[in-house]
Protein backbone atom coordinates (compact mmCIF):
# COMPACT_ATOMS: atom_id res chain seq x y z
CA MET A 1 33.29 8.95 10.03
CA SER A 2 35.40 11.16 7.86
CA ASN A 3 35.39 11.52 4.12
CA ARG A 4 38.00 13.27 2.00
CA ASN A 5 36.68 15.89 -0.36
CA ASN A 6 37.27 13.87 -3.53
CA ALA A 7 36.57 10.42 -2.13
CA ALA A 8 33.56 8.15 -2.39
CA THR A 9 32.72 6.09 0.67
CA CYS A 10 30.04 3.40 0.86
CA TYR A 11 28.08 2.59 4.01
CA PHE A 12 25.86 -0.44 4.55
CA LEU A 13 23.27 0.34 7.19
CA ASP A 14 21.16 -2.09 9.19
CA VAL A 15 17.67 -0.60 8.91
CA GLY A 16 15.61 -3.42 10.36
CA GLN A 17 14.89 -6.44 8.20
CA GLY A 18 16.71 -4.93 5.21
CA THR A 19 19.75 -2.79 4.52
CA SER A 20 20.27 0.64 3.09
CA GLN A 21 23.37 1.48 1.10
CA VAL A 22 24.68 5.02 1.02
CA ILE A 23 27.51 6.28 -1.12
CA ILE A 24 28.88 9.60 0.10
CA LEU A 25 30.46 11.63 -2.71
CA ASN A 26 32.74 14.61 -2.18
CA GLY A 27 31.72 14.88 1.46
CA HIS A 28 28.23 16.38 1.01
CA HIS A 29 26.52 14.48 -1.81
CA ALA A 30 24.91 11.04 -1.60
CA ILE A 31 23.50 8.16 -3.59
CA ILE A 32 21.02 6.13 -1.54
CA ILE A 33 19.81 2.61 -2.29
CA ASP A 34 16.67 1.73 -0.31
CA THR A 35 15.46 3.37 2.88
CA GLY A 36 14.66 0.33 5.00
CA GLN A 37 11.49 -0.34 6.91
CA ARG A 38 9.69 2.24 9.01
CA CYS A 39 11.66 2.63 12.23
CA LYS A 40 10.17 3.19 15.66
CA GLU A 41 13.43 4.89 16.58
CA THR A 42 15.63 7.12 14.45
CA ASN A 43 16.50 5.52 11.14
CA PRO A 44 20.31 5.06 10.87
CA LEU A 45 20.06 6.48 7.35
CA LEU A 46 18.70 9.80 8.67
CA ALA A 47 21.47 9.90 11.28
CA LEU A 48 24.13 9.35 8.61
CA LEU A 49 22.71 12.05 6.33
CA LYS A 50 22.66 14.48 9.24
CA ASN A 51 26.20 13.55 10.31
CA PHE A 52 27.57 14.34 6.85
CA THR A 53 25.35 17.42 6.39
CA ILE A 54 24.29 16.10 3.00
CA GLN A 55 23.51 18.95 0.62
CA THR A 56 22.32 16.89 -2.36
CA ILE A 57 20.97 13.39 -2.80
CA GLU A 58 22.06 12.78 -6.38
CA VAL A 59 20.00 9.60 -6.77
CA LEU A 60 17.54 7.79 -4.51
CA ILE A 61 17.18 4.22 -5.77
CA LEU A 62 14.28 2.11 -4.53
CA SER A 63 15.08 -1.45 -5.56
CA HIS A 64 11.53 -2.78 -5.15
CA ASN A 65 8.31 -2.00 -3.35
CA ASP A 66 8.58 -4.28 -0.30
CA SER A 67 8.23 -2.46 3.02
CA ASP A 68 11.70 -3.51 4.21
CA HIS A 69 13.16 -1.58 1.26
CA ILE A 70 10.88 1.49 1.01
CA GLY A 71 8.90 1.49 4.25
CA ASP A 72 10.62 4.57 5.69
CA ILE A 73 10.51 6.63 2.49
CA GLU A 74 8.27 9.32 4.01
CA ASN A 75 10.73 10.02 6.82
CA ILE A 76 13.58 10.28 4.32
CA LEU A 77 11.68 12.45 1.84
CA ALA A 78 10.20 14.90 4.33
CA PRO A 79 13.42 16.67 5.39
CA HIS A 80 15.30 16.10 2.11
CA GLN A 81 12.68 16.52 -0.63
CA GLU A 82 14.28 19.60 -2.18
CA GLN A 83 17.73 18.03 -2.07
CA ILE A 84 16.86 14.95 -4.15
CA ARG A 85 17.80 15.28 -7.83
CA ARG A 86 16.60 11.90 -9.17
CA VAL A 87 14.52 9.00 -7.93
CA PHE A 88 14.77 5.59 -9.57
CA ILE A 89 11.98 3.15 -8.68
CA TYR A 90 11.87 -0.47 -9.73
CA LEU A 91 8.25 -1.63 -9.64
CA SER A 92 7.05 -5.17 -10.05
CA THR A 93 3.74 -6.92 -9.66
CA GLN A 94 2.74 -10.53 -9.99
CA ASN A 95 0.68 -9.85 -13.12
CA ALA A 96 3.01 -7.57 -15.06
CA ASN A 97 6.55 -7.32 -16.27
CA PRO A 98 8.86 -5.35 -13.95
CA THR A 99 9.04 -1.66 -14.74
CA ALA A 100 11.77 0.81 -13.89
CA ILE A 101 10.81 4.48 -13.52
CA LEU A 102 13.19 7.40 -13.37
CA LEU A 103 11.59 10.50 -11.86
């Protein structure tokens, strides 16, 4: 897995029932879409972030609040909390209109 300094590369990771998409920017920055469900083993997303020695997660996008999309959020946040610049969460409930929140 190599990435040129000025290139953007997208990875689609099998993280259980769902997928996680990661866009690596300039070698050490990332945009992450969903974290996948809680893994009993190492989450492939964590392995990818470690492999690229990600310095900054520019945006963490959580597409909706089902466990197969955000179930492993704690394991992603714990080692990378200070590296995350923005979090975008799309929330929906059965009784309300969907709401998007940018933190």
